[in-house]
Amino acid sequence: MIVNGKEIILQKEISLKVFLEKKGYDLARIAVEKNGIIVEKNSFETEKLCCSDKIEIVSFVGGG
């Protein structure tokens, strides 16, 4: 699987939510694109990841 341009090896299929939590992402402050399609936040738990997926994760940060 490719995440933000880096290869990550998946041992087994995993939900997007579990993957993001294991990687330490704040689910309220990110947007995720899977294979070119935006994943709605309410689908993170049911969206499954596999080794052929390409994921882009964008974090929102405050500032001013």
C-alpha atoms as a PDB file:
ATOM      1  CA  MET A   1       0.000   0.000   0.000  1.00  0.00           C
ATOM      2  CA  ILE A   2       1.200   3.523  -0.708  1.00  0.00           C
ATOM      3  CA  VAL A   3       0.473   6.181   1.931  1.00  0.00           C
ATOM      4  CA  ASN A   4       1.439   9.772   1.124  1.00  0.00           C
ATOM      5  CA  GLY A   5       3.989   8.486  -1.376  1.00  0.00           C
ATOM      6  CA  LYS A   6       5.619   5.927   0.957  1.00  0.00           C
ATOM      7  CA  GLU A   7       5.202   2.168   0.730  1.00  0.00           C
ATOM      8  CA  ILE A   8       3.691   0.493   3.778  1.00  0.00           C
ATOM      9  CA  ILE A   9       3.398  -3.277   4.076  1.00  0.00           C
ATOM     10  CA  LEU A  10       0.027  -4.546   5.276  1.00  0.00           C
ATOM     11  CA  GLN A  11       0.017  -7.968   6.927  1.00  0.00           C
ATOM     12  CA  LYS A  12      -3.765  -8.300   6.557  1.00  0.00           C
ATOM     13  CA  GLU A  13      -6.821  -6.323   5.526  1.00  0.00           C
ATOM     14  CA  ILE A  14      -7.571  -3.561   8.039  1.00  0.00           C
ATOM     15  CA  SER A  15     -10.178  -0.847   8.395  1.00  0.00           C
ATOM     16  CA  LEU A  16      -9.163   2.705   7.562  1.00  0.00           C
ATOM     17  CA  LYS A  17     -10.148   3.837  11.074  1.00  0.00           C
ATOM     18  CA  VAL A  18      -7.931   1.251  12.794  1.00  0.00           C
ATOM     19  CA  PHE A  19      -5.009   2.079  10.477  1.00  0.00           C
ATOM     20  CA  LEU A  20      -5.304   5.815  11.146  1.00  0.00           C
ATOM     21  CA  GLU A  21      -5.588   5.316  14.912  1.00  0.00           C
ATOM     22  CA  LYS A  22      -2.521   3.022  14.950  1.00  0.00           C
ATOM     23  CA  LYS A  23      -0.579   5.712  13.076  1.00  0.00           C
ATOM     24  CA  GLY A  24      -1.638   8.351  15.620  1.00  0.00           C
ATOM     25  CA  TYR A  25      -3.848  10.521  13.411  1.00  0.00           C
ATOM     26  CA  ASP A  26      -6.516  12.747  14.978  1.00  0.00           C
ATOM     27  CA  LEU A  27      -9.552  11.605  12.984  1.00  0.00           C
ATOM     28  CA  ALA A  28     -11.297  14.951  13.482  1.00  0.00           C
ATOM     29  CA  ARG A  29      -8.447  16.854  11.805  1.00  0.00           C
ATOM     30  CA  ILE A  30      -7.756  14.863   8.643  1.00  0.00           C
ATOM     31  CA  ALA A  31      -9.113  14.167   5.181  1.00  0.00           C
ATOM     32  CA  VAL A  32      -8.400  10.887   3.398  1.00  0.00           C
ATOM     33  CA  GLU A  33      -8.343  10.007  -0.280  1.00  0.00           C
ATOM     34  CA  LYS A  34      -8.304   6.326  -1.262  1.00  0.00           C
ATOM     35  CA  ASN A  35      -7.466   5.431  -4.845  1.00  0.00           C
ATOM     36  CA  GLY A  36      -8.399   8.947  -5.977  1.00  0.00           C
ATOM     37  CA  ILE A  37     -11.734   9.128  -4.132  1.00  0.00           C
ATOM     38  CA  ILE A  38     -12.386  11.124  -0.939  1.00  0.00           C
ATOM     39  CA  VAL A  39     -13.488   8.868   1.935  1.00  0.00           C
ATOM     40  CA  GLU A  40     -16.260  10.327   4.088  1.00  0.00           C
ATOM     41  CA  LYS A  41     -15.427  10.366   7.808  1.00  0.00           C
ATOM     42  CA  ASN A  42     -18.513   8.283   8.616  1.00  0.00           C
ATOM     43  CA  SER A  43     -17.063   5.527   6.369  1.00  0.00           C
ATOM     44  CA  PHE A  44     -13.639   5.287   8.062  1.00  0.00           C
ATOM     45  CA  GLU A  45     -14.732   2.304  10.179  1.00  0.00           C
ATOM     46  CA  THR A  46     -16.187   0.274   7.300  1.00  0.00           C
ATOM     47  CA  GLU A  47     -13.660   1.221   4.596  1.00  0.00           C
ATOM     48  CA  LYS A  48     -11.183  -1.653   4.239  1.00  0.00           C
ATOM     49  CA  LEU A  49      -7.566  -1.203   3.150  1.00  0.00           C
ATOM     50  CA  CYS A  50      -5.554  -3.717   1.145  1.00  0.00           C
ATOM     51  CA  CYS A  51      -2.019  -3.900  -0.220  1.00  0.00           C
ATOM     52  CA  SER A  52      -2.904  -2.439  -3.640  1.00  0.00           C
ATOM     53  CA  ASP A  53      -4.469   0.784  -2.283  1.00  0.00           C
ATOM     54  CA  LYS A  54      -3.035   4.277  -2.674  1.00  0.00           C
ATOM     55  CA  ILE A  55      -3.899   6.554   0.252  1.00  0.00           C
ATOM     56  CA  GLU A  56      -3.367  10.287   0.699  1.00  0.00           C
ATOM     57  CA  ILE A  57      -3.878  11.747   4.179  1.00  0.00           C
ATOM     58  CA  VAL A  58      -4.082  15.492   4.710  1.00  0.00           C
ATOM     59  CA  SER A  59      -3.945  16.974   8.210  1.00  0.00           C
ATOM     60  CA  PHE A  60      -5.556  20.304   9.013  1.00  0.00           C
ATOM     61  CA  VAL A  61      -3.578  22.613  11.274  1.00  0.00           C
ATOM     62  CA  GLY A  62      -4.631  25.897  12.809  1.00  0.00           C
ATOM     63  CA  GLY A  63      -2.623  29.042  12.653  1.00  0.00           C
ATOM     64  CA  GLY A  64      -2.804  32.626  11.817  1.00  0.00           C
END
